[in-house]
């Protein structure tokens, strides 16, 4: 079983090192994209590890912008270039952490060959709050002084945008575990459909629906499983999920999910120590 972890990071190199150490195993490699706004020198101790590959094409990542999708695609291209026959590619952030042992993670993927684990709720029927993301113009991917005011003016005077015809839009969560073949398909699709890519670059939160939509409208649809394998707590009602602490230990042990987010060892490292000991 060969696994590739694509990790998007912008800070906390020490926590990233801990994540890599915890997930390290035979046949496992890490592809790390460091936000171009971050100081790359701080990440060198991790990037120089034997099992780590550095995603050389770095993006300036902005929250809600297409740049997150592009950073992911850059990671795919690095993985494809490595010419290693990976069984699965899993997208993580530097603040994710496994809830299961490496052995159990690998066993899970062995039992589920060829599937794509990602959330793909219908924008039209279920995830309706995402409809404005496709209808309005967003300049999030092109930040400049006054961009928000201009964005409002554009949406006030211009008619609603029309999504590309013939596509059913689905999504919700950014995180996923997919096969190398599926990653290649997504990468090639975006290269071959520049008009669709340009449309997506003016949406908001595109990282939460682009990859899912591409696969859902392809021959891979029947291989998709509506589960991103992540335990994420949105109970605080904020724009970001709850940061887990040792108080959440029991709940984290009880879930069958493979990974959880998010953690911050500068706030509470005890929960990471606990999970390392438990190795559920």
C-alpha atoms as a PDB file:
ATOM      1  CA  UNK A   1       0.000   0.000   0.000  1.00  0.00           C
ATOM      2  CA  UNK A   2       1.473   3.299  -1.149  1.00  0.00           C
ATOM      3  CA  UNK A   3       0.004   6.482   0.306  1.00  0.00           C
ATOM      4  CA  UNK A   4       0.714  10.122  -0.497  1.00  0.00           C
ATOM      5  CA  UNK A   5      -0.232  12.879   1.936  1.00  0.00           C
ATOM      6  CA  UNK A   6      -0.560  16.310   0.354  1.00  0.00           C
ATOM      7  CA  UNK A   7      -0.261  18.865   3.158  1.00  0.00           C
ATOM      8  CA  UNK A   8      -1.095  22.563   2.812  1.00  0.00           C
ATOM      9  CA  UNK A   9       0.659  24.702   5.425  1.00  0.00           C
ATOM     10  CA  UNK A  10       1.340  28.334   6.209  1.00  0.00           C
ATOM     11  CA  UNK A  11       2.607  28.269   9.794  1.00  0.00           C
ATOM     12  CA  UNK A  12       3.549  26.070  12.776  1.00  0.00           C
ATOM     13  CA  UNK A  13       6.430  24.060  11.270  1.00  0.00           C
ATOM     14  CA  UNK A  14       6.946  22.201  14.561  1.00  0.00           C
ATOM     15  CA  UNK A  15       3.403  20.850  14.470  1.00  0.00           C
ATOM     16  CA  UNK A  16       3.877  19.886  10.818  1.00  0.00           C
ATOM     17  CA  UNK A  17       6.984  17.903  11.806  1.00  0.00           C
ATOM     18  CA  UNK A  18       4.958  16.101  14.445  1.00  0.00           C
ATOM     19  CA  UNK A  19       2.239  15.254  11.916  1.00  0.00           C
ATOM     20  CA  UNK A  20       4.796  13.859   9.457  1.00  0.00           C
ATOM     21  CA  UNK A  21       6.482  11.807  12.179  1.00  0.00           C
ATOM     22  CA  UNK A  22       3.167  10.338  13.293  1.00  0.00           C
ATOM     23  CA  UNK A  23       2.086   9.322   9.783  1.00  0.00           C
ATOM     24  CA  UNK A  24       5.485   8.072   8.620  1.00  0.00           C
ATOM     25  CA  UNK A  25       5.508   4.428   7.573  1.00  0.00           C
ATOM     26  CA  UNK A  26       6.880   2.248   4.755  1.00  0.00           C
ATOM     27  CA  UNK A  27       5.308   3.241   1.433  1.00  0.00           C
ATOM     28  CA  UNK A  28       4.174   6.646   2.741  1.00  0.00           C
ATOM     29  CA  UNK A  29       5.366   9.961   1.274  1.00  0.00           C
ATOM     30  CA  UNK A  30       4.525  13.574   2.059  1.00  0.00           C
ATOM     31  CA  UNK A  31       4.102  16.409  -0.447  1.00  0.00           C
ATOM     32  CA  UNK A  32       4.141  19.757   1.314  1.00  0.00           C
ATOM     33  CA  UNK A  33       2.882  23.021  -0.140  1.00  0.00           C
ATOM     34  CA  UNK A  34       4.060  26.015   1.868  1.00  0.00           C
ATOM     35  CA  UNK A  35       2.038  29.188   1.318  1.00  0.00           C
ATOM     36  CA  UNK A  36       4.182  31.633  -0.672  1.00  0.00           C
ATOM     37  CA  UNK A  37       3.387  34.289   1.962  1.00  0.00           C
ATOM     38  CA  UNK A  38       5.179  32.170   4.596  1.00  0.00           C
ATOM     39  CA  UNK A  39       8.908  32.089   5.357  1.00  0.00           C
ATOM     40  CA  UNK A  40      10.105  28.874   3.710  1.00  0.00           C
ATOM     41  CA  UNK A  41      13.249  28.810   5.864  1.00  0.00           C
ATOM     42  CA  UNK A  42      11.206  27.837   8.922  1.00  0.00           C
ATOM     43  CA  UNK A  43      10.035  24.663   7.164  1.00  0.00           C
ATOM     44  CA  UNK A  44      13.422  23.444   5.897  1.00  0.00           C
ATOM     45  CA  UNK A  45      13.936  20.891   8.751  1.00  0.00           C
ATOM     46  CA  UNK A  46      10.743  19.138   7.619  1.00  0.00           C
ATOM     47  CA  UNK A  47      11.272  19.568   3.877  1.00  0.00           C
ATOM     48  CA  UNK A  48      14.691  17.925   4.113  1.00  0.00           C
ATOM     49  CA  UNK A  49      13.306  14.696   5.572  1.00  0.00           C
ATOM     50  CA  UNK A  50      13.855  11.651   3.369  1.00  0.00           C
ATOM     51  CA  UNK A  51      10.159  10.830   2.828  1.00  0.00           C
ATOM     52  CA  UNK A  52       9.142  14.440   2.134  1.00  0.00           C
ATOM     53  CA  UNK A  53       8.731  16.090  -1.278  1.00  0.00           C
ATOM     54  CA  UNK A  54       8.575  19.875  -1.600  1.00  0.00           C
ATOM     55  CA  UNK A  55       5.855  21.326  -3.846  1.00  0.00           C
ATOM     56  CA  UNK A  56       8.052  23.811  -5.659  1.00  0.00           C
ATOM     57  CA  UNK A  57       5.299  25.782  -7.374  1.00  0.00           C
ATOM     58  CA  UNK A  58       3.977  27.767  -4.417  1.00  0.00           C
ATOM     59  CA  UNK A  59       0.821  29.859  -4.347  1.00  0.00           C
ATOM     60  CA  UNK A  60      -0.071  32.896  -2.276  1.00  0.00           C
ATOM     61  CA  UNK A  61      -3.083  31.333  -0.638  1.00  0.00           C
ATOM     62  CA  UNK A  62      -6.020  33.497   0.431  1.00  0.00           C
ATOM     63  CA  UNK A  63      -9.016  32.269   2.386  1.00  0.00           C
ATOM     64  CA  UNK A  64     -11.962  31.488   0.119  1.00  0.00           C
ATOM     65  CA  UNK A  65      -9.909  32.024  -3.045  1.00  0.00           C
ATOM     66  CA  UNK A  66      -9.223  29.754  -6.006  1.00  0.00           C
ATOM     67  CA  UNK A  67      -5.563  29.876  -4.954  1.00  0.00           C
ATOM     68  CA  UNK A  68      -6.361  27.035  -2.521  1.00  0.00           C
ATOM     69  CA  UNK A  69      -7.493  24.881  -5.436  1.00  0.00           C
ATOM     70  CA  UNK A  70      -4.391  25.857  -7.398  1.00  0.00           C
ATOM     71  CA  UNK A  71      -2.129  24.928  -4.477  1.00  0.00           C
ATOM     72  CA  UNK A  72      -3.808  21.521  -4.411  1.00  0.00           C
ATOM     73  CA  UNK A  73      -3.375  21.077  -8.167  1.00  0.00           C
ATOM     74  CA  UNK A  74       0.291  22.079  -7.839  1.00  0.00           C
ATOM     75  CA  UNK A  75       0.595  19.299  -5.285  1.00  0.00           C
ATOM     76  CA  UNK A  76      -1.074  16.844  -7.662  1.00  0.00           C
ATOM     77  CA  UNK A  77       1.411  17.784 -10.375  1.00  0.00           C
ATOM     78  CA  UNK A  78       4.331  17.151  -8.026  1.00  0.00           C
ATOM     79  CA  UNK A  79       2.872  13.769  -7.060  1.00  0.00           C
ATOM     80  CA  UNK A  80       2.298  12.812 -10.703  1.00  0.00           C
ATOM     81  CA  UNK A  81       5.826  13.918 -11.616  1.00  0.00           C
ATOM     82  CA  UNK A  82       7.257  11.609  -8.932  1.00  0.00           C
ATOM     83  CA  UNK A  83       5.972   8.664 -11.028  1.00  0.00           C
ATOM     84  CA  UNK A  84       5.111   6.529  -8.000  1.00  0.00           C
ATOM     85  CA  UNK A  85       2.047   4.300  -8.224  1.00  0.00           C
ATOM     86  CA  UNK A  86       0.194   5.587  -5.155  1.00  0.00           C
ATOM     87  CA  UNK A  87      -3.001   3.858  -4.079  1.00  0.00           C
ATOM     88  CA  UNK A  88      -4.404   6.952  -2.362  1.00  0.00           C
ATOM     89  CA  UNK A  89      -3.747  10.663  -2.041  1.00  0.00           C
ATOM     90  CA  UNK A  90      -5.032  12.349   1.114  1.00  0.00           C
ATOM     91  CA  UNK A  91      -5.268  16.119   1.475  1.00  0.00           C
ATOM     92  CA  UNK A  92      -4.411  17.452   4.936  1.00  0.00           C
ATOM     93  CA  UNK A  93      -3.734  20.796   6.519  1.00  0.00           C
ATOM     94  CA  UNK A  94      -0.870  21.282   8.924  1.00  0.00           C
ATOM     95  CA  UNK A  95      -3.410  21.375  11.750  1.00  0.00           C
ATOM     96  CA  UNK A  96      -4.928  17.954  11.025  1.00  0.00           C
ATOM     97  CA  UNK A  97      -3.997  14.817  12.952  1.00  0.00           C
ATOM     98  CA  UNK A  98      -4.735  11.104  12.572  1.00  0.00           C
ATOM     99  CA  UNK A  99      -7.167   9.398  14.937  1.00  0.00           C
ATOM    100  CA  UNK A 100      -6.160   5.889  13.894  1.00  0.00           C
ATOM    101  CA  UNK A 101      -2.854   4.074  13.657  1.00  0.00           C
ATOM    102  CA  UNK A 102      -0.978   3.904  10.360  1.00  0.00           C
ATOM    103  CA  UNK A 103      -1.832   0.218  10.173  1.00  0.00           C
ATOM    104  CA  UNK A 104      -5.567   0.896  10.460  1.00  0.00           C
ATOM    105  CA  UNK A 105      -5.415   3.741   7.949  1.00  0.00           C
ATOM    106  CA  UNK A 106      -3.688   1.509   5.417  1.00  0.00           C
ATOM    107  CA  UNK A 107      -6.076  -1.362   6.108  1.00  0.00           C
ATOM    108  CA  UNK A 108      -9.048   0.938   5.488  1.00  0.00           C
ATOM    109  CA  UNK A 109      -7.751   1.962   2.072  1.00  0.00           C
ATOM    110  CA  UNK A 110      -6.879  -1.637   1.193  1.00  0.00           C
ATOM    111  CA  UNK A 111     -10.514  -2.555   1.832  1.00  0.00           C
ATOM    112  CA  UNK A 112     -11.800   0.337  -0.298  1.00  0.00           C
ATOM    113  CA  UNK A 113      -9.782   0.338  -3.524  1.00  0.00           C
ATOM    114  CA  UNK A 114     -10.673   2.882  -6.190  1.00  0.00           C
ATOM    115  CA  UNK A 115     -13.106   4.940  -4.123  1.00  0.00           C
ATOM    116  CA  UNK A 116     -13.075   8.720  -3.735  1.00  0.00           C
ATOM    117  CA  UNK A 117     -13.830   9.882  -0.203  1.00  0.00           C
ATOM    118  CA  UNK A 118     -15.099  13.468  -0.238  1.00  0.00           C
ATOM    119  CA  UNK A 119     -18.275  15.403   0.587  1.00  0.00           C
ATOM    120  CA  UNK A 120     -20.471  16.090  -2.446  1.00  0.00           C
ATOM    121  CA  UNK A 121     -23.854  17.520  -1.495  1.00  0.00           C
ATOM    122  CA  UNK A 122     -25.925  18.984  -4.323  1.00  0.00           C
ATOM    123  CA  UNK A 123     -25.689  22.774  -4.470  1.00  0.00           C
ATOM    124  CA  UNK A 124     -29.088  22.985  -6.127  1.00  0.00           C
ATOM    125  CA  UNK A 125     -30.977  20.704  -3.720  1.00  0.00           C
ATOM    126  CA  UNK A 126     -29.073  20.364  -0.415  1.00  0.00           C
ATOM    127  CA  UNK A 127     -26.220  22.844  -0.074  1.00  0.00           C
ATOM    128  CA  UNK A 128     -28.279  25.779  -1.288  1.00  0.00           C
ATOM    129  CA  UNK A 129     -26.344  28.391   0.691  1.00  0.00           C
ATOM    130  CA  UNK A 130     -23.545  27.862  -1.844  1.00  0.00           C
ATOM    131  CA  UNK A 131     -25.657  29.029  -4.799  1.00  0.00           C
ATOM    132  CA  UNK A 132     -24.472  32.690  -4.545  1.00  0.00           C
ATOM    133  CA  UNK A 133     -20.884  31.460  -4.868  1.00  0.00           C
ATOM    134  CA  UNK A 134     -21.693  30.498  -8.447  1.00  0.00           C
ATOM    135  CA  UNK A 135     -24.022  33.380  -9.314  1.00  0.00           C
ATOM    136  CA  UNK A 136     -22.012  36.341  -8.031  1.00  0.00           C
ATOM    137  CA  UNK A 137     -18.614  37.729  -8.951  1.00  0.00           C
ATOM    138  CA  UNK A 138     -15.870  37.397  -6.348  1.00  0.00           C
ATOM    139  CA  UNK A 139     -12.432  39.001  -6.543  1.00  0.00           C
ATOM    140  CA  UNK A 140     -11.041  36.972  -3.635  1.00  0.00           C
ATOM    141  CA  UNK A 141      -8.457  35.367  -5.875  1.00  0.00           C
ATOM    142  CA  UNK A 142      -7.208  38.785  -6.984  1.00  0.00           C
ATOM    143  CA  UNK A 143      -6.885  40.818  -3.768  1.00  0.00           C
ATOM    144  CA  UNK A 144      -6.075  44.503  -4.078  1.00  0.00           C
ATOM    145  CA  UNK A 145      -6.964  47.673  -2.236  1.00  0.00           C
ATOM    146  CA  UNK A 146     -10.644  48.427  -2.778  1.00  0.00           C
ATOM    147  CA  UNK A 147     -11.454  45.043  -4.313  1.00  0.00           C
ATOM    148  CA  UNK A 148     -14.389  44.489  -1.958  1.00  0.00           C
ATOM    149  CA  UNK A 149     -16.063  47.757  -3.022  1.00  0.00           C
ATOM    150  CA  UNK A 150     -15.546  46.992  -6.689  1.00  0.00           C
ATOM    151  CA  UNK A 151     -16.895  43.480  -6.163  1.00  0.00           C
ATOM    152  CA  UNK A 152     -20.085  44.934  -4.657  1.00  0.00           C
ATOM    153  CA  UNK A 153     -20.492  47.355  -7.542  1.00  0.00           C
ATOM    154  CA  UNK A 154     -20.048  44.584 -10.111  1.00  0.00           C
ATOM    155  CA  UNK A 155     -22.670  42.416  -8.460  1.00  0.00           C
ATOM    156  CA  UNK A 156     -25.033  45.368  -8.136  1.00  0.00           C
ATOM    157  CA  UNK A 157     -25.015  46.341 -11.789  1.00  0.00           C
ATOM    158  CA  UNK A 158     -24.190  43.101 -13.574  1.00  0.00           C
ATOM    159  CA  UNK A 159     -26.648  40.207 -13.969  1.00  0.00           C
ATOM    160  CA  UNK A 160     -26.080  36.953 -12.100  1.00  0.00           C
ATOM    161  CA  UNK A 161     -23.414  34.712 -13.555  1.00  0.00           C
ATOM    162  CA  UNK A 162     -24.427  31.505 -15.283  1.00  0.00           C
ATOM    163  CA  UNK A 163     -22.490  28.367 -14.269  1.00  0.00           C
ATOM    164  CA  UNK A 164     -21.147  26.234 -17.119  1.00  0.00           C
ATOM    165  CA  UNK A 165     -23.946  24.274 -18.746  1.00  0.00           C
ATOM    166  CA  UNK A 166     -24.165  20.532 -18.393  1.00  0.00           C
ATOM    167  CA  UNK A 167     -22.509  20.337 -14.962  1.00  0.00           C
ATOM    168  CA  UNK A 168     -24.075  19.437 -11.637  1.00  0.00           C
ATOM    169  CA  UNK A 169     -22.274  21.328  -8.874  1.00  0.00           C
ATOM    170  CA  UNK A 170     -21.648  19.475  -5.616  1.00  0.00           C
ATOM    171  CA  UNK A 171     -19.427  19.860  -2.584  1.00  0.00           C
ATOM    172  CA  UNK A 172     -19.095  21.186   0.947  1.00  0.00           C
ATOM    173  CA  UNK A 173     -15.820  20.145   2.583  1.00  0.00           C
ATOM    174  CA  UNK A 174     -12.391  20.765   1.082  1.00  0.00           C
ATOM    175  CA  UNK A 175     -10.751  17.635   2.489  1.00  0.00           C
ATOM    176  CA  UNK A 176     -10.570  14.299   0.689  1.00  0.00           C
ATOM    177  CA  UNK A 177      -8.842  10.989   0.012  1.00  0.00           C
ATOM    178  CA  UNK A 178      -8.795  10.010  -3.662  1.00  0.00           C
ATOM    179  CA  UNK A 179      -6.825   7.743  -5.991  1.00  0.00           C
ATOM    180  CA  UNK A 180      -3.912   8.771  -8.172  1.00  0.00           C
ATOM    181  CA  UNK A 181      -6.025   8.106 -11.268  1.00  0.00           C
ATOM    182  CA  UNK A 182      -8.714  10.494 -10.003  1.00  0.00           C
ATOM    183  CA  UNK A 183      -6.114  13.175  -9.214  1.00  0.00           C
ATOM    184  CA  UNK A 184      -4.713  12.844 -12.737  1.00  0.00           C
ATOM    185  CA  UNK A 185      -8.203  13.235 -14.189  1.00  0.00           C
ATOM    186  CA  UNK A 186      -8.862  16.422 -12.198  1.00  0.00           C
ATOM    187  CA  UNK A 187      -5.492  17.903 -13.183  1.00  0.00           C
ATOM    188  CA  UNK A 188      -5.993  17.152 -16.870  1.00  0.00           C
ATOM    189  CA  UNK A 189      -9.591  18.416 -16.801  1.00  0.00           C
ATOM    190  CA  UNK A 190      -8.581  21.854 -15.546  1.00  0.00           C
ATOM    191  CA  UNK A 191      -5.807  22.072 -18.135  1.00  0.00           C
ATOM    192  CA  UNK A 192      -8.210  21.154 -20.939  1.00  0.00           C
ATOM    193  CA  UNK A 193     -11.117  23.379 -19.834  1.00  0.00           C
ATOM    194  CA  UNK A 194      -9.629  26.853 -19.418  1.00  0.00           C
ATOM    195  CA  UNK A 195     -13.019  28.548 -19.822  1.00  0.00           C
ATOM    196  CA  UNK A 196     -14.436  26.629 -16.853  1.00  0.00           C
ATOM    197  CA  UNK A 197     -11.276  27.331 -14.869  1.00  0.00           C
ATOM    198  CA  UNK A 198     -11.671  31.084 -15.492  1.00  0.00           C
ATOM    199  CA  UNK A 199     -15.269  30.890 -14.293  1.00  0.00           C
ATOM    200  CA  UNK A 200     -14.158  29.139 -11.097  1.00  0.00           C
ATOM    201  CA  UNK A 201     -11.449  31.715 -10.422  1.00  0.00           C
ATOM    202  CA  UNK A 202     -14.171  34.320  -9.791  1.00  0.00           C
ATOM    203  CA  UNK A 203     -16.163  32.188  -7.341  1.00  0.00           C
ATOM    204  CA  UNK A 204     -15.852  32.120  -3.558  1.00  0.00           C
ATOM    205  CA  UNK A 205     -14.833  29.060  -1.540  1.00  0.00           C
ATOM    206  CA  UNK A 206     -14.105  27.102  -4.703  1.00  0.00           C
ATOM    207  CA  UNK A 207     -11.892  24.673  -2.758  1.00  0.00           C
ATOM    208  CA  UNK A 208     -15.116  23.272  -1.288  1.00  0.00           C
ATOM    209  CA  UNK A 209     -16.680  22.247  -4.596  1.00  0.00           C
ATOM    210  CA  UNK A 210     -14.303  22.266  -7.582  1.00  0.00           C
ATOM    211  CA  UNK A 211     -12.697  18.841  -7.230  1.00  0.00           C
ATOM    212  CA  UNK A 212     -15.933  17.159  -6.172  1.00  0.00           C
ATOM    213  CA  UNK A 213     -17.842  18.660  -9.089  1.00  0.00           C
ATOM    214  CA  UNK A 214     -15.232  17.540 -11.610  1.00  0.00           C
ATOM    215  CA  UNK A 215     -15.356  13.935 -10.400  1.00  0.00           C
ATOM    216  CA  UNK A 216     -19.150  13.924  -9.973  1.00  0.00           C
ATOM    217  CA  UNK A 217     -19.567  14.841 -13.642  1.00  0.00           C
ATOM    218  CA  UNK A 218     -17.159  12.170 -14.825  1.00  0.00           C
ATOM    219  CA  UNK A 219     -16.886   8.404 -15.109  1.00  0.00           C
ATOM    220  CA  UNK A 220     -15.709   8.406 -11.475  1.00  0.00           C
ATOM    221  CA  UNK A 221     -19.125   9.416 -10.100  1.00  0.00           C
ATOM    222  CA  UNK A 222     -20.054   5.888  -9.046  1.00  0.00           C
ATOM    223  CA  UNK A 223     -16.778   5.539  -7.125  1.00  0.00           C
ATOM    224  CA  UNK A 224     -17.487   8.564  -4.930  1.00  0.00           C
ATOM    225  CA  UNK A 225     -18.358   8.053  -1.251  1.00  0.00           C
ATOM    226  CA  UNK A 226     -20.001  11.002   0.517  1.00  0.00           C
ATOM    227  CA  UNK A 227     -17.600  10.928   3.463  1.00  0.00           C
ATOM    228  CA  UNK A 228     -14.345  12.871   3.776  1.00  0.00           C
ATOM    229  CA  UNK A 229     -13.133  10.623   6.633  1.00  0.00           C
ATOM    230  CA  UNK A 230     -12.669  13.689   8.868  1.00  0.00           C
ATOM    231  CA  UNK A 231     -14.027  14.489  12.334  1.00  0.00           C
ATOM    232  CA  UNK A 232     -14.684  18.246  12.351  1.00  0.00           C
ATOM    233  CA  UNK A 233     -16.680  20.107  15.003  1.00  0.00           C
ATOM    234  CA  UNK A 234     -18.586  23.187  13.769  1.00  0.00           C
ATOM    235  CA  UNK A 235     -20.649  23.536  16.960  1.00  0.00           C
ATOM    236  CA  UNK A 236     -19.152  26.931  17.856  1.00  0.00           C
ATOM    237  CA  UNK A 237     -20.815  28.501  14.841  1.00  0.00           C
ATOM    238  CA  UNK A 238     -17.663  30.269  13.671  1.00  0.00           C
ATOM    239  CA  UNK A 239     -16.063  30.533  10.238  1.00  0.00           C
ATOM    240  CA  UNK A 240     -13.445  28.007  11.371  1.00  0.00           C
ATOM    241  CA  UNK A 241     -14.077  24.730  13.188  1.00  0.00           C
ATOM    242  CA  UNK A 242     -13.439  24.151  16.857  1.00  0.00           C
ATOM    243  CA  UNK A 243      -9.834  23.652  17.956  1.00  0.00           C
ATOM    244  CA  UNK A 244      -9.690  20.377  19.873  1.00  0.00           C
ATOM    245  CA  UNK A 245      -8.199  20.142  23.348  1.00  0.00           C
ATOM    246  CA  UNK A 246      -7.718  17.357  25.873  1.00  0.00           C
ATOM    247  CA  UNK A 247     -11.345  17.924  26.937  1.00  0.00           C
ATOM    248  CA  UNK A 248     -12.372  16.366  23.605  1.00  0.00           C
ATOM    249  CA  UNK A 249     -10.279  13.220  24.046  1.00  0.00           C
ATOM    250  CA  UNK A 250     -13.124  10.770  24.637  1.00  0.00           C
ATOM    251  CA  UNK A 251     -15.166  12.058  21.720  1.00  0.00           C
ATOM    252  CA  UNK A 252     -12.188  11.787  19.386  1.00  0.00           C
ATOM    253  CA  UNK A 253     -11.547   8.198  20.434  1.00  0.00           C
ATOM    254  CA  UNK A 254     -15.147   7.158  19.833  1.00  0.00           C
ATOM    255  CA  UNK A 255     -15.402   8.288  16.211  1.00  0.00           C
ATOM    256  CA  UNK A 256     -14.632   5.945  13.319  1.00  0.00           C
ATOM    257  CA  UNK A 257     -13.145   8.799  11.267  1.00  0.00           C
ATOM    258  CA  UNK A 258      -9.501   8.434  10.253  1.00  0.00           C
ATOM    259  CA  UNK A 259      -8.472  12.060  10.785  1.00  0.00           C
ATOM    260  CA  UNK A 260      -9.612  15.144  12.694  1.00  0.00           C
ATOM    261  CA  UNK A 261      -9.155  18.885  12.427  1.00  0.00           C
ATOM    262  CA  UNK A 262      -8.192  21.096  13.867  1.00  0.00           C
ATOM    263  CA  UNK A 263      -5.432  21.101  16.490  1.00  0.00           C
ATOM    264  CA  UNK A 264      -2.990  23.721  17.732  1.00  0.00           C
ATOM    265  CA  UNK A 265      -0.146  22.461  19.880  1.00  0.00           C
ATOM    266  CA  UNK A 266       0.638  25.982  21.074  1.00  0.00           C
ATOM    267  CA  UNK A 267      -2.847  26.021  22.645  1.00  0.00           C
ATOM    268  CA  UNK A 268      -3.019  22.402  23.798  1.00  0.00           C
ATOM    269  CA  UNK A 269      -0.367  19.803  22.996  1.00  0.00           C
ATOM    270  CA  UNK A 270      -1.791  17.371  25.568  1.00  0.00           C
ATOM    271  CA  UNK A 271      -4.478  16.202  23.124  1.00  0.00           C
ATOM    272  CA  UNK A 272      -1.807  15.277  20.569  1.00  0.00           C
ATOM    273  CA  UNK A 273       0.169  13.435  23.258  1.00  0.00           C
ATOM    274  CA  UNK A 274      -3.007  11.573  24.177  1.00  0.00           C
ATOM    275  CA  UNK A 275      -3.729  10.559  20.591  1.00  0.00           C
ATOM    276  CA  UNK A 276      -0.139   9.380  20.119  1.00  0.00           C
ATOM    277  CA  UNK A 277      -0.450   7.114  23.157  1.00  0.00           C
ATOM    278  CA  UNK A 278      -3.874   5.840  22.189  1.00  0.00           C
ATOM    279  CA  UNK A 279      -3.050   4.916  18.546  1.00  0.00           C
ATOM    280  CA  UNK A 280      -6.619   3.734  18.214  1.00  0.00           C
END
